[in-house]
């Protein structure tokens, strides 16, 4: 299950030594709804290896600005506080899982 991340909780989430996957999304975004279940599945499948979270861009301006999110969905892969990979737009589960495996 994906964590609900906010501006207030982002630094706590990033303080882990695990890989962090953050899905920047919005309720009104069609492609976001398409990958939502994929993000949830990845959160379950990799729960012991990585941190998976979702951040609503409409309610979290600080994090959205910090990472320069202009299009959604955008999925960031963050390791040791640094963005190491990203996916902009919807994609199949294999795309996200492949990036996770490469970064572990």
Protein backbone atom coordinates (compact mmCIF):
# COMPACT_ATOMS: atom_id res chain seq x y z
CA UNK A 1 0.00 0.00 0.00
CA UNK A 2 1.30 3.44 -0.95
CA UNK A 3 1.89 6.09 1.72
CA UNK A 4 0.00 9.36 1.44
CA UNK A 5 2.81 11.92 1.35
CA UNK A 6 2.32 15.63 2.05
CA UNK A 7 4.58 18.68 2.18
CA UNK A 8 4.69 18.15 5.96
CA UNK A 9 5.75 14.49 5.78
CA UNK A 10 8.06 14.53 2.75
CA UNK A 11 11.32 15.03 4.67
CA UNK A 12 10.44 12.18 7.05
CA UNK A 13 9.79 9.89 4.08
CA UNK A 14 13.07 10.88 2.42
CA UNK A 15 15.09 10.25 5.60
CA UNK A 16 15.12 6.50 4.88
CA UNK A 17 18.11 4.72 3.38
CA UNK A 18 15.73 2.82 1.07
CA UNK A 19 14.81 3.74 -2.48
CA UNK A 20 11.73 6.02 -2.44
CA UNK A 21 9.18 6.04 -5.27
CA UNK A 22 6.81 9.03 -5.25
CA UNK A 23 3.82 9.27 -7.57
CA UNK A 24 2.87 12.93 -8.12
CA UNK A 25 -0.82 12.83 -9.07
CA UNK A 26 -4.20 14.63 -8.88
CA UNK A 27 -7.78 13.41 -8.47
CA UNK A 28 -8.88 14.91 -11.81
CA UNK A 29 -6.03 13.36 -13.83
CA UNK A 30 -7.08 10.44 -16.06
CA UNK A 31 -3.59 8.97 -16.64
CA UNK A 32 -2.96 9.25 -12.86
CA UNK A 33 -5.99 7.03 -12.27
CA UNK A 34 -4.62 4.54 -14.81
CA UNK A 35 -1.33 4.06 -12.95
CA UNK A 36 -2.80 4.35 -9.46
CA UNK A 37 -3.44 0.60 -9.11
CA UNK A 38 0.05 -0.14 -10.48
CA UNK A 39 1.64 2.10 -7.84
CA UNK A 40 -0.41 0.35 -5.13
CA UNK A 41 0.70 -3.08 -6.42
CA UNK A 42 4.33 -2.03 -6.45
CA UNK A 43 3.95 -0.73 -2.90
CA UNK A 44 2.72 -4.15 -1.83
CA UNK A 45 5.24 -6.20 -3.84
CA UNK A 46 8.28 -4.17 -2.77
CA UNK A 47 7.12 -3.20 0.75
CA UNK A 48 10.22 -4.63 2.42
CA UNK A 49 12.68 -3.14 -0.07
CA UNK A 50 11.48 0.37 -0.97
CA UNK A 51 9.12 3.12 0.18
CA UNK A 52 6.22 3.83 -2.20
CA UNK A 53 4.13 6.95 -1.80
CA UNK A 54 1.63 9.19 -3.54
CA UNK A 55 1.63 13.00 -3.36
CA UNK A 56 -1.42 15.01 -4.45
CA UNK A 57 -0.08 18.00 -6.40
CA UNK A 58 -3.22 20.07 -5.78
CA UNK A 59 -2.66 20.08 -2.01
CA UNK A 60 1.15 20.08 -1.76
CA UNK A 61 2.67 23.07 -3.56
CA UNK A 62 6.05 22.96 -1.78
CA UNK A 63 7.01 19.44 -2.88
CA UNK A 64 5.57 19.99 -6.35
CA UNK A 65 7.69 23.14 -6.78
CA UNK A 66 10.79 21.60 -5.18
CA UNK A 67 10.89 18.86 -7.82
CA UNK A 68 9.69 21.05 -10.72
CA UNK A 69 6.65 18.89 -11.44
CA UNK A 70 4.94 20.31 -14.53
CA UNK A 71 3.12 17.27 -15.89
CA UNK A 72 1.30 14.51 -14.07
CA UNK A 73 1.55 11.74 -13.45
CA UNK A 74 5.24 12.04 -12.68
CA UNK A 75 6.90 9.24 -10.74
CA UNK A 76 10.22 10.08 -9.10
CA UNK A 77 12.74 7.53 -7.86
CA UNK A 78 14.76 9.06 -5.02
CA UNK A 79 17.81 7.56 -3.34
CA UNK A 80 19.71 9.27 -0.52
CA UNK A 81 17.71 12.43 -1.12
CA UNK A 82 18.61 12.64 -4.82
CA UNK A 83 16.33 11.99 -7.80
CA UNK A 84 17.96 9.07 -9.62
CA UNK A 85 15.25 8.39 -12.22
CA UNK A 86 11.78 9.48 -13.24
CA UNK A 87 8.84 8.60 -15.44
CA UNK A 88 6.57 11.32 -16.81
CA UNK A 89 3.17 10.06 -17.98
CA UNK A 90 1.48 6.71 -17.67
CA UNK A 91 3.28 3.47 -18.39
CA UNK A 92 2.95 -0.28 -17.87
CA UNK A 93 3.83 -1.96 -14.59
CA UNK A 94 6.90 -3.52 -16.22
CA UNK A 95 8.36 -0.04 -16.83
CA UNK A 96 8.17 0.93 -13.15
CA UNK A 97 9.22 -2.51 -11.86
CA UNK A 98 12.21 -2.53 -14.25
CA UNK A 99 13.41 0.83 -12.92
CA UNK A 100 12.99 -0.35 -9.32
CA UNK A 101 15.00 -3.52 -9.99
CA UNK A 102 17.77 -1.51 -11.69
CA UNK A 103 18.01 0.88 -8.73
CA UNK A 104 17.94 -1.69 -5.91
